[in-house]
Each structure stands twice: as C-alpha cells, then as structure tokens.
Amino acid sequence: MYKAIGYSDMDAQAQQSFDTLVLILSGMYWLLTPQDTIANYKLPIGTKWLRQRRGTNITDTIVEHCADQDQDITIVDLLSGAYQKMIQKNTLRDAGIRYVTVDFVKSDGSKYTHWVKKVKGGKVRDWCMSGVESVKRLGGEVDGDVVRVVC
C-alpha cells in the first residue's frame, strides 16, 4: 500500500495533505501519523497479549486525537478486517466523528480481493494529489456510511 502511495513522488501540497489527514493504526505503536518514526516489526493487531497489554481502546485513542480539531471529522476507513474489528463505530459517532468505509470494486461490481493494498494505496495517492476534502469527492457512490469506488 505504501509503495503505491508513492509519497516521495508527490508534490508538496499532496504530501502536506497526506501528513495532515492520514492516521495509521499499528499493532505495536497503536496510532501513528505518517511522519512518526518506528522500528521495523511484524506483529499482527489481533495478537491477544498485545490487546491485553495495551489496556486502552484504540477507539478512545482516536477520539482523543481528534478532540483538538476545530472542524468536522470524517474517518475514511481503509483498514483490513482485523483492524476494523478494533474500531467501535458507535463510540466515534457519539464523539461527533463520521466513520465511513470504502469498498473498492471492479467495473463489474465485484470487490477487489487480490492487489487490494495496491489499489488502496493508489486511491490514497489520487485523493491527496487532487486535494479531496469531502467524502462526496472520493470518486464513488456514497450509500450512508459506505463509499463504493470503482477502480
């Protein structure tokens, strides 16, 4: 996904958008911004002892992170299933944070299963390069809290 984003090849405005608007969930570090420095590791988010050791809910961490914002917040979820299970959508909604998921589909309407990370990375790049500022501008059909993007 990150290779497809191609951060180093983005113009300064797109990099600024990426750095400002993207949050990354990590099994080891929990919530990161793109400019945070971390060690190389392999630790799945679903590791039981990790969840127990963290002691905090990732959703609460996201709410705390967003609390200082002076604007409406929408989280566009590009997470895999294991990470999505860690998010409590109702808690986000109660905090006034809109939460939408994105289905990346082929022209025939079927969901991507192979190369989905590359597809997601490419769309993140496109969104940052074009200065997307609302869910309606993600280039897909909005149905409640789901955006279907044809790639």
C-alpha atoms as a PDB file:
ATOM      1  CA  MET A   1       0.000   0.000   0.000  1.00  0.00           C
ATOM      2  CA  TYR A   2       2.697   2.484   0.966  1.00  0.00           C
ATOM      3  CA  LYS A   3       4.693   1.771  -2.175  1.00  0.00           C
ATOM      4  CA  ALA A   4       1.585   2.534  -4.256  1.00  0.00           C
ATOM      5  CA  ILE A   5       1.071   5.806  -2.375  1.00  0.00           C
ATOM      6  CA  GLY A   6       4.454   6.949  -3.687  1.00  0.00           C
ATOM      7  CA  TYR A   7       4.907   9.679  -1.087  1.00  0.00           C
ATOM      8  CA  SER A   8       8.358  10.782  -2.271  1.00  0.00           C
ATOM      9  CA  ASP A   9       6.990  11.445  -5.773  1.00  0.00           C
ATOM     10  CA  MET A  10       4.062  13.574  -4.585  1.00  0.00           C
ATOM     11  CA  ASP A  11       4.146  17.335  -4.873  1.00  0.00           C
ATOM     12  CA  ALA A  12       4.466  19.368  -1.665  1.00  0.00           C
ATOM     13  CA  GLN A  13       0.713  20.043  -1.394  1.00  0.00           C
ATOM     14  CA  ALA A  14      -0.151  16.337  -1.713  1.00  0.00           C
ATOM     15  CA  GLN A  15       2.487  15.439   0.886  1.00  0.00           C
ATOM     16  CA  GLN A  16       1.015  18.074   3.215  1.00  0.00           C
ATOM     17  CA  SER A  17      -2.455  16.568   2.724  1.00  0.00           C
ATOM     18  CA  PHE A  18      -1.132  13.080   3.424  1.00  0.00           C
ATOM     19  CA  ASP A  19       0.818  14.174   6.509  1.00  0.00           C
ATOM     20  CA  THR A  20      -2.150  16.095   7.904  1.00  0.00           C
ATOM     21  CA  LEU A  21      -5.074  13.850   7.056  1.00  0.00           C
ATOM     22  CA  VAL A  22      -3.799  10.280   7.364  1.00  0.00           C
ATOM     23  CA  LEU A  23      -3.687   8.258  10.570  1.00  0.00           C
ATOM     24  CA  ILE A  24      -2.149   4.793  10.688  1.00  0.00           C
ATOM     25  CA  LEU A  25      -3.129   2.023  13.089  1.00  0.00           C
ATOM     26  CA  SER A  26      -0.270  -0.170  14.197  1.00  0.00           C
ATOM     27  CA  GLY A  27      -0.249  -3.368  16.223  1.00  0.00           C
ATOM     28  CA  MET A  28       2.874  -2.232  18.052  1.00  0.00           C
ATOM     29  CA  TYR A  29       2.536   1.535  18.227  1.00  0.00           C
ATOM     30  CA  TRP A  30      -1.263   1.915  18.158  1.00  0.00           C
ATOM     31  CA  LEU A  31      -1.962   5.273  16.472  1.00  0.00           C
ATOM     32  CA  LEU A  32       0.611   6.952  14.231  1.00  0.00           C
ATOM     33  CA  THR A  33       0.875   9.893  11.900  1.00  0.00           C
ATOM     34  CA  PRO A  34       2.785   9.460   8.621  1.00  0.00           C
ATOM     35  CA  GLN A  35       5.843  11.303   9.922  1.00  0.00           C
ATOM     36  CA  ASP A  36       6.243   9.206  13.098  1.00  0.00           C
ATOM     37  CA  THR A  37       9.432   7.138  13.111  1.00  0.00           C
ATOM     38  CA  ILE A  38       9.096   3.498  14.132  1.00  0.00           C
ATOM     39  CA  ALA A  39      11.228   0.363  14.182  1.00  0.00           C
ATOM     40  CA  ASN A  40      10.700  -2.408  11.650  1.00  0.00           C
ATOM     41  CA  TYR A  41       8.468  -5.053  13.202  1.00  0.00           C
ATOM     42  CA  LYS A  42       5.933  -7.756  12.421  1.00  0.00           C
ATOM     43  CA  LEU A  43       3.160  -8.009  14.974  1.00  0.00           C
ATOM     44  CA  PRO A  44      -0.458  -8.517  13.956  1.00  0.00           C
ATOM     45  CA  ILE A  45      -3.064  -6.250  15.553  1.00  0.00           C
ATOM     46  CA  GLY A  46      -5.067  -9.283  16.675  1.00  0.00           C
ATOM     47  CA  THR A  47      -2.334 -10.620  18.976  1.00  0.00           C
ATOM     48  CA  LYS A  48      -4.170 -11.332  22.258  1.00  0.00           C
ATOM     49  CA  TRP A  49      -1.385 -10.374  24.653  1.00  0.00           C
ATOM     50  CA  LEU A  50      -0.888  -7.131  22.765  1.00  0.00           C
ATOM     51  CA  ARG A  51      -4.522  -6.108  23.240  1.00  0.00           C
ATOM     52  CA  GLN A  52      -4.324  -7.023  26.929  1.00  0.00           C
ATOM     53  CA  ARG A  53      -1.055  -5.162  27.427  1.00  0.00           C
ATOM     54  CA  ARG A  54      -2.312  -2.010  25.680  1.00  0.00           C
ATOM     55  CA  GLY A  55      -5.047  -1.627  28.250  1.00  0.00           C
ATOM     56  CA  THR A  56      -6.665   1.146  26.201  1.00  0.00           C
ATOM     57  CA  ASN A  57      -9.195   1.035  23.462  1.00  0.00           C
ATOM     58  CA  ILE A  58      -7.949   2.195  20.062  1.00  0.00           C
ATOM     59  CA  THR A  59     -11.250   3.981  19.509  1.00  0.00           C
ATOM     60  CA  ASP A  60     -10.708   6.082  22.630  1.00  0.00           C
ATOM     61  CA  THR A  61      -7.222   6.943  21.371  1.00  0.00           C
ATOM     62  CA  ILE A  62      -8.678   8.083  18.036  1.00  0.00           C
ATOM     63  CA  VAL A  63     -11.324  10.205  19.799  1.00  0.00           C
ATOM     64  CA  GLU A  64      -8.617  11.840  21.942  1.00  0.00           C
ATOM     65  CA  HIS A  65      -6.520  12.539  18.843  1.00  0.00           C
ATOM     66  CA  CYS A  66      -9.466  14.167  17.064  1.00  0.00           C
ATOM     67  CA  ALA A  67     -10.667  16.163  20.092  1.00  0.00           C
ATOM     68  CA  ASP A  68      -8.411  19.143  19.346  1.00  0.00           C
ATOM     69  CA  GLN A  69      -9.746  19.619  15.810  1.00  0.00           C
ATOM     70  CA  ASP A  70     -11.848  22.712  15.131  1.00  0.00           C
ATOM     71  CA  GLN A  71     -13.688  21.126  12.216  1.00  0.00           C
ATOM     72  CA  ASP A  72     -15.997  18.228  11.485  1.00  0.00           C
ATOM     73  CA  ILE A  73     -14.079  14.968  11.366  1.00  0.00           C
ATOM     74  CA  THR A  74     -14.746  12.120   8.960  1.00  0.00           C
ATOM     75  CA  ILE A  75     -12.701   8.961   9.165  1.00  0.00           C
ATOM     76  CA  VAL A  76     -12.399   7.138   5.851  1.00  0.00           C
ATOM     77  CA  ASP A  77     -11.593   3.569   6.848  1.00  0.00           C
ATOM     78  CA  LEU A  78      -9.187   1.683   4.600  1.00  0.00           C
ATOM     79  CA  LEU A  79      -8.371  -0.923   7.238  1.00  0.00           C
ATOM     80  CA  SER A  80      -8.252  -4.676   6.828  1.00  0.00           C
ATOM     81  CA  GLY A  81     -10.854  -6.768   8.645  1.00  0.00           C
ATOM     82  CA  ALA A  82      -8.734  -7.464  11.745  1.00  0.00           C
ATOM     83  CA  TYR A  83      -8.181  -3.750  12.284  1.00  0.00           C
ATOM     84  CA  GLN A  84     -11.806  -2.874  11.547  1.00  0.00           C
ATOM     85  CA  LYS A  85     -12.865  -5.148  14.409  1.00  0.00           C
ATOM     86  CA  MET A  86     -10.864  -2.940  16.788  1.00  0.00           C
ATOM     87  CA  ILE A  87     -12.935   0.158  15.973  1.00  0.00           C
ATOM     88  CA  GLN A  88     -16.110   0.910  17.915  1.00  0.00           C
ATOM     89  CA  LYS A  89     -18.141   2.881  15.401  1.00  0.00           C
ATOM     90  CA  ASN A  90     -20.803   3.946  17.877  1.00  0.00           C
ATOM     91  CA  THR A  91     -18.173   5.495  20.148  1.00  0.00           C
ATOM     92  CA  LEU A  92     -16.862   7.531  17.220  1.00  0.00           C
ATOM     93  CA  ARG A  93     -20.376   8.630  16.270  1.00  0.00           C
ATOM     94  CA  ASP A  94     -21.110   9.600  19.886  1.00  0.00           C
ATOM     95  CA  ALA A  95     -17.994  11.803  19.760  1.00  0.00           C
ATOM     96  CA  GLY A  96     -19.305  13.514  16.616  1.00  0.00           C
ATOM     97  CA  ILE A  97     -16.917  11.722  14.257  1.00  0.00           C
ATOM     98  CA  ARG A  98     -18.333  10.398  10.996  1.00  0.00           C
ATOM     99  CA  TYR A  99     -16.972   6.986  10.049  1.00  0.00           C
ATOM    100  CA  VAL A 100     -17.207   5.650   6.502  1.00  0.00           C
ATOM    101  CA  THR A 101     -15.814   2.531   4.917  1.00  0.00           C
ATOM    102  CA  VAL A 102     -14.689   2.222   1.315  1.00  0.00           C
ATOM    103  CA  ASP A 103     -15.429  -0.710  -0.940  1.00  0.00           C
ATOM    104  CA  PHE A 104     -13.029  -0.834  -3.870  1.00  0.00           C
ATOM    105  CA  VAL A 105     -14.804  -2.588  -6.710  1.00  0.00           C
ATOM    106  CA  LYS A 106     -14.039  -3.556 -10.281  1.00  0.00           C
ATOM    107  CA  SER A 107     -16.123  -2.294 -13.191  1.00  0.00           C
ATOM    108  CA  ASP A 108     -18.234  -5.471 -12.973  1.00  0.00           C
ATOM    109  CA  GLY A 109     -19.154  -4.618  -9.348  1.00  0.00           C
ATOM    110  CA  SER A 110     -17.069  -7.345  -7.695  1.00  0.00           C
ATOM    111  CA  LYS A 111     -14.809  -6.401  -4.776  1.00  0.00           C
ATOM    112  CA  TYR A 112     -11.058  -6.488  -5.120  1.00  0.00           C
ATOM    113  CA  THR A 113      -9.542  -9.426  -3.284  1.00  0.00           C
ATOM    114  CA  HIS A 114      -6.158  -9.570  -4.995  1.00  0.00           C
ATOM    115  CA  TRP A 115      -3.935  -6.476  -5.108  1.00  0.00           C
ATOM    116  CA  VAL A 116      -6.339  -4.586  -2.817  1.00  0.00           C
ATOM    117  CA  LYS A 117      -3.474  -2.926  -0.917  1.00  0.00           C
ATOM    118  CA  LYS A 118      -2.041  -1.592  -4.163  1.00  0.00           C
ATOM    119  CA  VAL A 119      -5.482  -0.340  -5.204  1.00  0.00           C
ATOM    120  CA  LYS A 120      -5.988   1.376  -1.825  1.00  0.00           C
ATOM    121  CA  GLY A 121      -2.553   2.990  -1.984  1.00  0.00           C
ATOM    122  CA  GLY A 122      -3.185   4.275  -5.485  1.00  0.00           C
ATOM    123  CA  LYS A 123      -6.503   5.832  -4.455  1.00  0.00           C
ATOM    124  CA  VAL A 124      -4.962   7.467  -1.370  1.00  0.00           C
ATOM    125  CA  ARG A 125      -2.342   8.964  -3.675  1.00  0.00           C
ATOM    126  CA  ASP A 126      -5.019  10.188  -6.096  1.00  0.00           C
ATOM    127  CA  TRP A 127      -7.046  11.700  -3.257  1.00  0.00           C
ATOM    128  CA  CYS A 128      -4.039  13.545  -1.826  1.00  0.00           C
ATOM    129  CA  MET A 129      -2.915  14.746  -5.259  1.00  0.00           C
ATOM    130  CA  SER A 130      -6.379  16.090  -6.084  1.00  0.00           C
ATOM    131  CA  GLY A 131      -6.977  17.697  -2.677  1.00  0.00           C
ATOM    132  CA  VAL A 132     -10.084  15.701  -1.744  1.00  0.00           C
ATOM    133  CA  GLU A 133     -11.810  17.400   1.175  1.00  0.00           C
ATOM    134  CA  SER A 134     -15.101  15.529   1.478  1.00  0.00           C
ATOM    135  CA  VAL A 135     -16.499  12.025   1.250  1.00  0.00           C
ATOM    136  CA  LYS A 136     -18.562  13.075  -1.751  1.00  0.00           C
ATOM    137  CA  ARG A 137     -15.338  13.773  -3.662  1.00  0.00           C
ATOM    138  CA  LEU A 138     -13.775  10.340  -3.159  1.00  0.00           C
ATOM    139  CA  GLY A 139     -14.965   9.426  -6.627  1.00  0.00           C
ATOM    140  CA  GLY A 140     -17.518   6.848  -5.672  1.00  0.00           C
ATOM    141  CA  GLU A 141     -21.144   6.246  -4.912  1.00  0.00           C
ATOM    142  CA  VAL A 142     -21.980   7.218  -1.329  1.00  0.00           C
ATOM    143  CA  ASP A 143     -24.556   4.995   0.372  1.00  0.00           C
ATOM    144  CA  GLY A 144     -24.892   6.018   4.006  1.00  0.00           C
ATOM    145  CA  ASP A 145     -21.550   5.186   5.592  1.00  0.00           C
ATOM    146  CA  VAL A 146     -20.181   3.191   2.657  1.00  0.00           C
ATOM    147  CA  VAL A 147     -18.448   4.603  -0.404  1.00  0.00           C
ATOM    148  CA  ARG A 148     -18.165   2.316  -3.441  1.00  0.00           C
ATOM    149  CA  VAL A 149     -15.191   3.329  -5.574  1.00  0.00           C
ATOM    150  CA  VAL A 150     -14.806   1.700  -8.974  1.00  0.00           C
ATOM    151  CA  CYS A 151     -11.143   1.138  -9.870  1.00  0.00           C
END
